[in-house]
N, C-alpha and C. Protein backbone atom coordinates (compact mmCIF):
# COMPACT_ATOMS: atom_id res chain seq x y z
N MET A 1 -10.32 -6.29 21.56
CA MET A 1 -9.65 -5.19 22.23
C MET A 1 -8.97 -4.27 21.22
N ASN A 2 -8.65 -4.81 20.02
CA ASN A 2 -7.94 -3.96 19.07
C ASN A 2 -8.78 -2.78 18.58
N VAL A 3 -10.11 -2.89 18.67
CA VAL A 3 -10.94 -1.78 18.20
C VAL A 3 -10.78 -0.56 19.11
N ILE A 4 -10.52 -0.77 20.40
CA ILE A 4 -10.31 0.38 21.28
C ILE A 4 -9.06 1.15 20.86
N TRP A 5 -8.01 0.44 20.48
CA TRP A 5 -6.78 1.11 20.02
C TRP A 5 -7.02 1.82 18.70
N ARG A 6 -7.78 1.20 17.82
CA ARG A 6 -8.10 1.86 16.55
C ARG A 6 -8.97 3.09 16.80
N THR A 7 -9.88 3.00 17.77
CA THR A 7 -10.73 4.15 18.10
C THR A 7 -9.88 5.30 18.60
N LEU A 8 -8.99 5.01 19.54
CA LEU A 8 -8.12 6.07 20.07
C LEU A 8 -7.26 6.68 18.97
N LEU A 9 -6.72 5.84 18.11
CA LEU A 9 -5.91 6.33 16.99
C LEU A 9 -6.75 7.21 16.06
N THR A 10 -7.98 6.80 15.80
CA THR A 10 -8.87 7.59 14.94
C THR A 10 -9.18 8.94 15.58
N ILE A 11 -9.45 8.94 16.89
CA ILE A 11 -9.75 10.19 17.59
C ILE A 11 -8.55 11.13 17.54
N PHE A 12 -7.36 10.62 17.83
CA PHE A 12 -6.16 11.46 17.78
C PHE A 12 -5.91 11.97 16.37
N SER A 13 -6.09 11.12 15.38
CA SER A 13 -5.89 11.52 13.99
C SER A 13 -6.90 12.59 13.58
N ALA A 14 -8.16 12.41 13.95
CA ALA A 14 -9.20 13.40 13.61
C ALA A 14 -8.91 14.73 14.27
N ARG A 15 -8.46 14.70 15.53
CA ARG A 15 -8.10 15.94 16.23
C ARG A 15 -6.94 16.64 15.53
N ARG A 16 -5.94 15.87 15.11
CA ARG A 16 -4.80 16.44 14.40
C ARG A 16 -5.24 17.05 13.07
N ARG A 17 -6.09 16.34 12.35
CA ARG A 17 -6.59 16.87 11.07
C ARG A 17 -7.41 18.14 11.28
N LEU A 18 -8.18 18.18 12.37
CA LEU A 18 -8.98 19.36 12.68
C LEU A 18 -8.07 20.56 12.96
N ARG A 19 -7.00 20.33 13.72
CA ARG A 19 -6.04 21.41 14.02
C ARG A 19 -5.37 21.91 12.74
N LYS A 20 -5.19 21.03 11.77
CA LYS A 20 -4.57 21.41 10.50
C LYS A 20 -5.57 22.07 9.55
N GLY A 21 -6.81 22.23 10.02
CA GLY A 21 -7.82 22.89 9.19
C GLY A 21 -8.58 21.95 8.28
N GLU A 22 -8.43 20.65 8.47
CA GLU A 22 -9.13 19.67 7.63
C GLU A 22 -10.51 19.38 8.23
N THR A 23 -11.38 20.39 8.13
CA THR A 23 -12.73 20.25 8.67
C THR A 23 -13.65 19.62 7.62
N ILE A 24 -14.81 19.21 8.09
CA ILE A 24 -15.82 18.64 7.20
C ILE A 24 -17.10 19.44 7.43
N ALA A 25 -17.75 19.84 6.36
CA ALA A 25 -19.06 20.49 6.49
C ALA A 25 -20.05 19.46 7.03
N PRO A 26 -21.08 19.92 7.75
CA PRO A 26 -22.05 18.97 8.30
C PRO A 26 -22.69 18.05 7.26
N ASN A 27 -22.73 18.49 6.01
CA ASN A 27 -23.28 17.63 4.96
C ASN A 27 -22.17 16.97 4.13
N GLY A 28 -20.92 17.06 4.61
CA GLY A 28 -19.78 16.50 3.89
C GLY A 28 -19.55 15.03 4.19
N VAL A 29 -18.58 14.48 3.49
CA VAL A 29 -18.23 13.06 3.64
C VAL A 29 -16.89 12.93 4.33
N SER A 30 -16.87 12.14 5.39
CA SER A 30 -15.63 11.79 6.09
C SER A 30 -15.04 10.55 5.43
N ARG A 31 -13.72 10.53 5.26
CA ARG A 31 -13.05 9.35 4.71
C ARG A 31 -11.83 9.04 5.56
N ILE A 32 -11.77 7.79 6.02
CA ILE A 32 -10.58 7.33 6.71
C ILE A 32 -10.16 5.99 6.10
N ARG A 33 -8.87 5.75 6.09
CA ARG A 33 -8.33 4.51 5.53
C ARG A 33 -8.04 3.54 6.66
N VAL A 34 -8.52 2.32 6.52
CA VAL A 34 -8.24 1.25 7.48
C VAL A 34 -7.84 0.00 6.71
N ARG A 35 -7.43 -1.01 7.46
CA ARG A 35 -6.99 -2.26 6.85
C ARG A 35 -7.61 -3.42 7.62
N THR A 36 -7.97 -4.47 6.92
CA THR A 36 -8.52 -5.66 7.54
C THR A 36 -7.40 -6.40 8.27
N LEU A 37 -7.54 -6.53 9.58
CA LEU A 37 -6.53 -7.18 10.42
C LEU A 37 -6.94 -8.62 10.72
N PRO A 38 -5.99 -9.44 11.16
CA PRO A 38 -6.33 -10.83 11.51
C PRO A 38 -7.45 -10.92 12.55
N THR A 39 -7.52 -9.97 13.48
CA THR A 39 -8.56 -10.00 14.50
C THR A 39 -9.93 -9.60 13.96
N ASP A 40 -10.01 -9.16 12.71
CA ASP A 40 -11.29 -8.80 12.09
C ASP A 40 -11.92 -9.98 11.35
N LEU A 41 -11.18 -11.07 11.22
CA LEU A 41 -11.63 -12.18 10.37
C LEU A 41 -12.53 -13.16 11.11
N ASP A 42 -13.38 -13.82 10.34
CA ASP A 42 -14.14 -14.93 10.88
C ASP A 42 -13.52 -16.24 10.40
N ILE A 43 -14.16 -17.33 10.64
CA ILE A 43 -13.60 -18.63 10.31
C ILE A 43 -13.46 -18.84 8.79
N LEU A 44 -14.21 -18.06 8.01
CA LEU A 44 -14.11 -18.15 6.55
C LEU A 44 -12.99 -17.28 5.99
N MET A 45 -12.24 -16.64 6.89
CA MET A 45 -11.07 -15.84 6.53
C MET A 45 -11.39 -14.56 5.76
N HIS A 46 -12.58 -14.02 5.97
CA HIS A 46 -12.89 -12.67 5.49
C HIS A 46 -13.45 -11.88 6.67
N MET A 47 -13.64 -10.57 6.47
CA MET A 47 -14.10 -9.71 7.55
C MET A 47 -15.40 -10.26 8.15
N ASN A 48 -15.41 -10.41 9.46
CA ASN A 48 -16.58 -10.87 10.17
C ASN A 48 -17.69 -9.83 10.02
N ASN A 49 -18.92 -10.30 9.80
CA ASN A 49 -20.02 -9.36 9.55
C ASN A 49 -20.24 -8.40 10.72
N GLY A 50 -20.03 -8.84 11.95
CA GLY A 50 -20.21 -7.96 13.10
C GLY A 50 -19.13 -6.90 13.22
N ARG A 51 -17.96 -7.18 12.67
CA ARG A 51 -16.84 -6.24 12.79
C ARG A 51 -17.09 -4.98 11.97
N TYR A 52 -17.84 -5.07 10.88
CA TYR A 52 -18.13 -3.89 10.07
C TYR A 52 -18.72 -2.77 10.93
N LEU A 53 -19.69 -3.13 11.77
CA LEU A 53 -20.36 -2.11 12.58
C LEU A 53 -19.38 -1.47 13.55
N SER A 54 -18.48 -2.26 14.13
CA SER A 54 -17.47 -1.69 15.03
C SER A 54 -16.54 -0.75 14.29
N LEU A 55 -16.14 -1.14 13.08
CA LEU A 55 -15.22 -0.30 12.32
C LEU A 55 -15.92 0.95 11.77
N PHE A 56 -17.20 0.84 11.46
CA PHE A 56 -17.93 2.03 11.01
C PHE A 56 -18.03 3.06 12.13
N ASP A 57 -17.94 2.62 13.39
CA ASP A 57 -17.87 3.57 14.51
C ASP A 57 -16.67 4.50 14.34
N LEU A 58 -15.58 3.98 13.77
CA LEU A 58 -14.39 4.82 13.55
C LEU A 58 -14.73 5.99 12.62
N GLY A 59 -15.47 5.68 11.58
CA GLY A 59 -15.89 6.74 10.66
C GLY A 59 -16.78 7.76 11.34
N ARG A 60 -17.63 7.28 12.25
CA ARG A 60 -18.50 8.19 12.98
C ARG A 60 -17.69 9.12 13.88
N TRP A 61 -16.65 8.59 14.54
CA TRP A 61 -15.77 9.45 15.36
C TRP A 61 -15.13 10.54 14.51
N ASP A 62 -14.58 10.15 13.36
CA ASP A 62 -13.94 11.14 12.49
C ASP A 62 -14.94 12.20 12.05
N LEU A 63 -16.13 11.78 11.67
CA LEU A 63 -17.17 12.70 11.22
C LEU A 63 -17.58 13.66 12.34
N LEU A 64 -17.84 13.13 13.53
CA LEU A 64 -18.26 13.97 14.65
C LEU A 64 -17.19 15.00 15.02
N ILE A 65 -15.94 14.56 15.06
CA ILE A 65 -14.86 15.47 15.46
C ILE A 65 -14.62 16.53 14.40
N ARG A 66 -14.51 16.12 13.14
CA ARG A 66 -14.12 17.06 12.09
C ARG A 66 -15.24 17.99 11.64
N THR A 67 -16.51 17.67 11.96
CA THR A 67 -17.60 18.62 11.70
C THR A 67 -17.74 19.61 12.84
N GLY A 68 -17.07 19.34 13.97
CA GLY A 68 -17.19 20.19 15.14
C GLY A 68 -18.31 19.76 16.07
N LEU A 69 -19.07 18.75 15.67
CA LEU A 69 -20.20 18.32 16.48
C LEU A 69 -19.74 17.71 17.80
N PHE A 70 -18.63 16.98 17.80
CA PHE A 70 -18.16 16.35 19.03
C PHE A 70 -17.87 17.39 20.11
N ASP A 71 -17.17 18.47 19.76
CA ASP A 71 -16.87 19.51 20.75
C ASP A 71 -18.15 20.19 21.23
N ALA A 72 -19.09 20.43 20.32
CA ALA A 72 -20.37 21.02 20.71
C ALA A 72 -21.11 20.10 21.67
N MET A 73 -21.06 18.80 21.41
CA MET A 73 -21.72 17.83 22.29
C MET A 73 -21.06 17.83 23.67
N LYS A 74 -19.74 17.79 23.67
CA LYS A 74 -18.99 17.75 24.93
C LYS A 74 -19.28 19.00 25.77
N ASP A 75 -19.27 20.17 25.12
CA ASP A 75 -19.51 21.43 25.83
C ASP A 75 -20.92 21.50 26.43
N ARG A 76 -21.87 20.82 25.81
CA ARG A 76 -23.26 20.91 26.24
C ARG A 76 -23.72 19.70 27.06
N GLY A 77 -22.84 18.73 27.25
CA GLY A 77 -23.22 17.54 28.01
C GLY A 77 -24.13 16.61 27.25
N TRP A 78 -23.93 16.52 25.93
CA TRP A 78 -24.73 15.63 25.08
C TRP A 78 -23.91 14.41 24.71
N TYR A 79 -24.59 13.36 24.33
CA TYR A 79 -23.94 12.19 23.76
C TYR A 79 -24.89 11.53 22.78
N ALA A 80 -24.33 10.80 21.85
CA ALA A 80 -25.13 10.15 20.81
C ALA A 80 -25.24 8.66 21.09
N VAL A 81 -26.38 8.10 20.77
CA VAL A 81 -26.59 6.66 20.86
C VAL A 81 -27.16 6.17 19.53
N VAL A 82 -26.82 4.96 19.20
CA VAL A 82 -27.38 4.33 18.01
C VAL A 82 -28.72 3.72 18.40
N ALA A 83 -29.77 4.09 17.69
CA ALA A 83 -31.10 3.55 17.95
C ALA A 83 -31.38 2.33 17.08
N ALA A 84 -30.85 2.33 15.87
CA ALA A 84 -31.06 1.21 14.94
C ALA A 84 -30.01 1.30 13.84
N GLU A 85 -29.71 0.17 13.26
CA GLU A 85 -28.83 0.17 12.09
C GLU A 85 -29.12 -1.05 11.25
N THR A 86 -28.88 -0.89 9.97
CA THR A 86 -29.05 -2.00 9.03
C THR A 86 -27.85 -2.01 8.11
N VAL A 87 -27.36 -3.19 7.81
CA VAL A 87 -26.15 -3.31 7.00
C VAL A 87 -26.43 -4.21 5.81
N THR A 88 -25.84 -3.85 4.68
CA THR A 88 -25.93 -4.64 3.46
C THR A 88 -24.52 -4.92 2.97
N PHE A 89 -24.25 -6.19 2.66
CA PHE A 89 -22.92 -6.60 2.19
C PHE A 89 -22.98 -6.90 0.71
N ARG A 90 -21.91 -6.52 0.01
CA ARG A 90 -21.84 -6.74 -1.43
C ARG A 90 -20.66 -7.62 -1.81
N LYS A 91 -19.48 -7.31 -1.23
CA LYS A 91 -18.26 -8.07 -1.48
C LYS A 91 -17.53 -8.24 -0.16
N SER A 92 -16.73 -9.30 -0.08
CA SER A 92 -15.96 -9.56 1.15
C SER A 92 -14.68 -8.76 1.18
N LEU A 93 -14.30 -8.35 2.39
CA LEU A 93 -12.99 -7.74 2.62
C LEU A 93 -12.06 -8.83 3.14
N GLU A 94 -10.90 -8.95 2.53
CA GLU A 94 -9.95 -10.02 2.85
C GLU A 94 -8.85 -9.51 3.77
N LEU A 95 -8.08 -10.45 4.31
CA LEU A 95 -6.98 -10.13 5.22
C LEU A 95 -6.02 -9.13 4.59
N TRP A 96 -5.64 -8.13 5.33
CA TRP A 96 -4.71 -7.05 5.00
C TRP A 96 -5.24 -6.11 3.92
N GLN A 97 -6.46 -6.28 3.47
CA GLN A 97 -7.01 -5.41 2.43
C GLN A 97 -7.29 -4.02 3.00
N ALA A 98 -6.77 -3.00 2.33
CA ALA A 98 -7.03 -1.62 2.72
C ALA A 98 -8.37 -1.19 2.12
N PHE A 99 -9.10 -0.40 2.90
CA PHE A 99 -10.37 0.13 2.41
C PHE A 99 -10.65 1.44 3.11
N ASP A 100 -11.50 2.24 2.50
CA ASP A 100 -11.91 3.51 3.07
C ASP A 100 -13.26 3.34 3.75
N ILE A 101 -13.40 3.97 4.90
CA ILE A 101 -14.71 4.09 5.53
C ILE A 101 -15.18 5.50 5.21
N GLU A 102 -16.26 5.59 4.47
CA GLU A 102 -16.87 6.87 4.13
C GLU A 102 -18.12 7.04 4.99
N SER A 103 -18.25 8.20 5.60
CA SER A 103 -19.37 8.46 6.51
C SER A 103 -19.99 9.80 6.20
N ARG A 104 -21.31 9.86 6.32
CA ARG A 104 -22.01 11.11 6.02
C ARG A 104 -23.35 11.14 6.75
N MET A 105 -23.73 12.32 7.24
CA MET A 105 -25.09 12.51 7.74
C MET A 105 -25.99 12.62 6.52
N ILE A 106 -27.05 11.82 6.51
CA ILE A 106 -27.91 11.82 5.32
C ILE A 106 -29.27 12.45 5.58
N GLY A 107 -29.49 12.95 6.79
CA GLY A 107 -30.74 13.65 7.06
C GLY A 107 -31.27 13.34 8.44
N HIS A 108 -32.51 13.72 8.67
CA HIS A 108 -33.13 13.53 9.98
C HIS A 108 -34.64 13.48 9.84
N ASP A 109 -35.27 12.98 10.88
CA ASP A 109 -36.71 13.11 11.01
C ASP A 109 -36.97 13.74 12.38
N ASP A 110 -38.17 13.63 12.89
CA ASP A 110 -38.48 14.31 14.16
C ASP A 110 -37.80 13.66 15.36
N LYS A 111 -37.29 12.43 15.24
CA LYS A 111 -36.66 11.74 16.36
C LYS A 111 -35.17 11.49 16.17
N SER A 112 -34.75 11.24 14.95
CA SER A 112 -33.41 10.70 14.73
C SER A 112 -32.61 11.47 13.69
N ILE A 113 -31.30 11.31 13.82
CA ILE A 113 -30.36 11.74 12.80
C ILE A 113 -29.94 10.46 12.07
N PHE A 114 -29.91 10.49 10.76
CA PHE A 114 -29.54 9.32 9.97
C PHE A 114 -28.16 9.52 9.36
N LEU A 115 -27.37 8.48 9.44
CA LEU A 115 -26.03 8.49 8.85
C LEU A 115 -25.89 7.29 7.91
N GLU A 116 -24.99 7.43 6.97
CA GLU A 116 -24.63 6.32 6.09
C GLU A 116 -23.13 6.12 6.18
N HIS A 117 -22.72 4.88 6.31
CA HIS A 117 -21.31 4.50 6.27
C HIS A 117 -21.13 3.51 5.14
N ARG A 118 -19.99 3.61 4.48
CA ARG A 118 -19.68 2.68 3.39
C ARG A 118 -18.26 2.15 3.56
N ALA A 119 -18.06 0.89 3.23
CA ALA A 119 -16.72 0.32 3.08
C ALA A 119 -16.44 0.36 1.59
N VAL A 120 -15.38 1.09 1.20
CA VAL A 120 -15.11 1.35 -0.21
C VAL A 120 -13.68 0.94 -0.56
N VAL A 121 -13.56 0.17 -1.64
CA VAL A 121 -12.25 -0.24 -2.15
C VAL A 121 -12.13 0.28 -3.58
N ASP A 122 -11.12 1.10 -3.83
CA ASP A 122 -10.90 1.66 -5.17
C ASP A 122 -12.17 2.24 -5.77
N GLY A 123 -12.92 2.98 -4.95
CA GLY A 123 -14.13 3.65 -5.44
C GLY A 123 -15.36 2.76 -5.51
N GLU A 124 -15.25 1.49 -5.14
CA GLU A 124 -16.36 0.55 -5.24
C GLU A 124 -16.89 0.21 -3.84
N VAL A 125 -18.21 0.29 -3.68
CA VAL A 125 -18.84 0.00 -2.40
C VAL A 125 -18.86 -1.51 -2.16
N TYR A 126 -18.28 -1.92 -1.01
CA TYR A 126 -18.30 -3.33 -0.60
C TYR A 126 -19.40 -3.59 0.42
N ALA A 127 -19.70 -2.62 1.28
CA ALA A 127 -20.75 -2.76 2.28
C ALA A 127 -21.27 -1.37 2.62
N ARG A 128 -22.53 -1.33 3.08
CA ARG A 128 -23.14 -0.06 3.46
C ARG A 128 -23.99 -0.28 4.70
N VAL A 129 -23.97 0.70 5.60
CA VAL A 129 -24.84 0.65 6.77
C VAL A 129 -25.58 1.97 6.88
N ILE A 130 -26.84 1.88 7.25
CA ILE A 130 -27.65 3.05 7.56
C ILE A 130 -27.85 3.02 9.08
N VAL A 131 -27.62 4.15 9.72
CA VAL A 131 -27.70 4.26 11.17
C VAL A 131 -28.71 5.32 11.55
N SER A 132 -29.56 4.97 12.48
CA SER A 132 -30.47 5.92 13.10
C SER A 132 -29.90 6.20 14.49
N SER A 133 -29.62 7.47 14.78
CA SER A 133 -29.03 7.81 16.08
C SER A 133 -29.84 8.93 16.73
N ARG A 134 -29.70 8.98 18.04
CA ARG A 134 -30.36 10.03 18.81
C ARG A 134 -29.34 10.73 19.67
N MET A 135 -29.60 11.98 19.95
CA MET A 135 -28.73 12.78 20.80
C MET A 135 -29.43 12.92 22.15
N LEU A 136 -28.70 12.54 23.21
CA LEU A 136 -29.25 12.59 24.56
C LEU A 136 -28.44 13.53 25.43
N ARG A 137 -29.04 13.95 26.53
CA ARG A 137 -28.37 14.80 27.52
C ARG A 137 -27.86 13.92 28.66
N ARG A 138 -26.68 14.23 29.15
CA ARG A 138 -26.15 13.50 30.31
C ARG A 138 -27.03 13.71 31.53
N THR A 139 -27.73 14.82 31.58
CA THR A 139 -28.63 15.12 32.70
C THR A 139 -30.00 14.48 32.50
N GLY A 140 -30.22 13.82 31.37
CA GLY A 140 -31.49 13.18 31.07
C GLY A 140 -32.25 13.91 29.99
N GLY A 141 -32.92 13.17 29.16
CA GLY A 141 -33.74 13.74 28.11
C GLY A 141 -33.06 13.74 26.75
N VAL A 142 -33.85 14.08 25.77
CA VAL A 142 -33.42 14.08 24.37
C VAL A 142 -33.08 15.51 23.93
N VAL A 143 -32.04 15.64 23.12
CA VAL A 143 -31.69 16.94 22.54
C VAL A 143 -32.57 17.18 21.32
N ARG A 144 -33.26 18.30 21.33
CA ARG A 144 -34.11 18.65 20.19
C ARG A 144 -33.23 18.98 18.98
N HIS A 145 -33.75 18.71 17.80
CA HIS A 145 -32.98 18.96 16.59
C HIS A 145 -32.67 20.44 16.38
N ASP A 146 -33.57 21.33 16.78
CA ASP A 146 -33.27 22.75 16.61
C ASP A 146 -32.05 23.15 17.45
N GLU A 147 -31.89 22.56 18.64
CA GLU A 147 -30.70 22.81 19.46
C GLU A 147 -29.46 22.24 18.79
N LEU A 148 -29.60 21.02 18.31
CA LEU A 148 -28.47 20.34 17.65
C LEU A 148 -28.01 21.13 16.44
N PHE A 149 -28.93 21.52 15.59
CA PHE A 149 -28.55 22.23 14.37
C PHE A 149 -28.04 23.63 14.68
N ALA A 150 -28.53 24.25 15.72
CA ALA A 150 -28.00 25.55 16.13
C ALA A 150 -26.54 25.40 16.55
N ALA A 151 -26.22 24.30 17.22
CA ALA A 151 -24.83 24.04 17.65
C ALA A 151 -23.91 23.84 16.44
N LEU A 152 -24.48 23.38 15.34
CA LEU A 152 -23.70 23.18 14.11
C LEU A 152 -23.78 24.37 13.17
N GLY A 153 -24.42 25.44 13.59
CA GLY A 153 -24.54 26.59 12.70
C GLY A 153 -25.61 26.41 11.65
N ARG A 154 -26.67 25.68 12.00
CA ARG A 154 -27.79 25.46 11.08
C ARG A 154 -27.33 24.96 9.71
N PRO A 155 -26.83 23.75 9.63
CA PRO A 155 -26.32 23.27 8.35
C PRO A 155 -27.40 23.18 7.28
N GLU A 156 -27.07 23.67 6.16
CA GLU A 156 -27.96 23.58 5.00
C GLU A 156 -27.44 22.45 4.12
N GLY A 157 -28.30 21.95 3.30
CA GLY A 157 -27.86 20.99 2.29
C GLY A 157 -27.83 19.54 2.72
N LEU A 158 -28.42 19.21 3.89
CA LEU A 158 -28.52 17.79 4.20
C LEU A 158 -29.44 17.18 3.16
N PRO A 159 -29.03 16.07 2.57
CA PRO A 159 -29.84 15.50 1.49
C PRO A 159 -31.19 14.99 2.00
N GLU A 160 -32.12 14.88 1.10
CA GLU A 160 -33.41 14.27 1.43
C GLU A 160 -33.17 12.77 1.64
N ILE A 161 -33.81 12.25 2.63
CA ILE A 161 -33.66 10.82 2.92
C ILE A 161 -34.56 10.03 1.98
N ASP A 162 -34.03 8.92 1.46
CA ASP A 162 -34.85 8.04 0.64
C ASP A 162 -36.04 7.56 1.46
N PRO A 163 -37.21 7.48 0.85
CA PRO A 163 -38.40 7.05 1.60
C PRO A 163 -38.23 5.70 2.30
N TRP A 164 -37.46 4.80 1.71
CA TRP A 164 -37.30 3.49 2.34
C TRP A 164 -36.62 3.59 3.70
N VAL A 165 -35.78 4.63 3.91
CA VAL A 165 -35.12 4.79 5.21
C VAL A 165 -36.16 5.11 6.28
N HIS A 166 -37.10 5.97 5.96
CA HIS A 166 -38.19 6.26 6.91
C HIS A 166 -39.01 5.00 7.18
N ASP A 167 -39.32 4.26 6.12
CA ASP A 167 -40.08 3.02 6.28
C ASP A 167 -39.32 2.03 7.16
N TRP A 168 -38.01 1.89 6.92
CA TRP A 168 -37.18 0.99 7.72
C TRP A 168 -37.17 1.43 9.18
N ALA A 169 -36.99 2.72 9.43
CA ALA A 169 -36.93 3.22 10.81
C ALA A 169 -38.23 2.93 11.54
N THR A 170 -39.35 3.11 10.87
CA THR A 170 -40.65 2.83 11.48
C THR A 170 -40.83 1.34 11.71
N ALA A 171 -40.51 0.54 10.71
CA ALA A 171 -40.73 -0.91 10.80
C ALA A 171 -39.81 -1.58 11.82
N SER A 172 -38.61 -1.04 12.04
CA SER A 172 -37.66 -1.69 12.94
C SER A 172 -37.70 -1.14 14.36
N ALA A 173 -38.53 -0.14 14.61
CA ALA A 173 -38.57 0.49 15.94
C ALA A 173 -39.18 -0.44 16.98
N LEU A 174 -38.57 -0.42 18.15
CA LEU A 174 -39.13 -1.11 19.32
C LEU A 174 -39.94 -0.10 20.12
N PRO A 175 -40.76 -0.59 21.06
CA PRO A 175 -41.50 0.37 21.91
C PRO A 175 -40.53 1.26 22.68
N SER A 176 -41.01 2.42 23.07
CA SER A 176 -40.18 3.34 23.86
C SER A 176 -39.80 2.67 25.18
N THR A 177 -38.79 3.22 25.83
CA THR A 177 -38.34 2.64 27.11
C THR A 177 -39.38 2.80 28.21
N LYS A 178 -40.37 3.63 27.99
CA LYS A 178 -41.42 3.85 28.99
C LYS A 178 -42.59 2.88 28.82
N LYS A 179 -42.54 2.06 27.78
CA LYS A 179 -43.61 1.09 27.52
C LYS A 179 -43.03 -0.31 27.67
N PRO A 180 -43.88 -1.27 27.97
CA PRO A 180 -43.39 -2.65 28.08
C PRO A 180 -42.97 -3.20 26.72
N ALA A 181 -42.01 -4.10 26.74
CA ALA A 181 -41.56 -4.77 25.52
C ALA A 181 -41.29 -6.25 25.86
N PRO A 182 -42.34 -7.00 26.13
CA PRO A 182 -42.15 -8.40 26.53
C PRO A 182 -41.60 -9.23 25.39
N SER A 183 -40.79 -10.21 25.74
CA SER A 183 -40.24 -11.14 24.75
C SER A 183 -41.20 -12.31 24.62
N VAL A 184 -42.07 -12.20 23.63
CA VAL A 184 -43.04 -13.25 23.35
C VAL A 184 -42.86 -13.69 21.92
N TRP A 185 -42.57 -14.96 21.74
CA TRP A 185 -42.38 -15.50 20.39
C TRP A 185 -43.72 -15.99 19.86
N ALA A 186 -44.01 -15.65 18.64
CA ALA A 186 -45.28 -16.07 18.02
C ALA A 186 -45.20 -17.50 17.54
């Protein structure tokens, strides 16, 4: 339950920073400071591997709000969903340890927007996640990228995606929701 309070705090903080003029370019990096709480720990007394993904959502909220994308989405009846994500761990985060969540849009393909989130301590990456997300309409259907980028003022300078990200997105994709996806173990 504590993640909901952290989410609300992050949203309010991002809104306040936006009002103060602390915007982020669509190709910029969002940084927020968080701390490992007792409710984030697993039995080994370090950050639970599943908690990273929940906390990286905080970085995504800050990024969406401070780039202006959240308001554009709200005005148009759009919402984002995570289609796939992969996480790599390097070092453990310990109880009460402060760290930065860095978030950035790293590019797109014909279906997805790709983001990268990092857990960073004193400039050193402890964990990284790559996220494939899609923009959907509340009325149904997918938001085309030309519409999305027009809402952001056609951002220039999104970096080229590493080829392995495209390979990962293809290899990890499940069938579309319009096709069967039976659970059959080989």
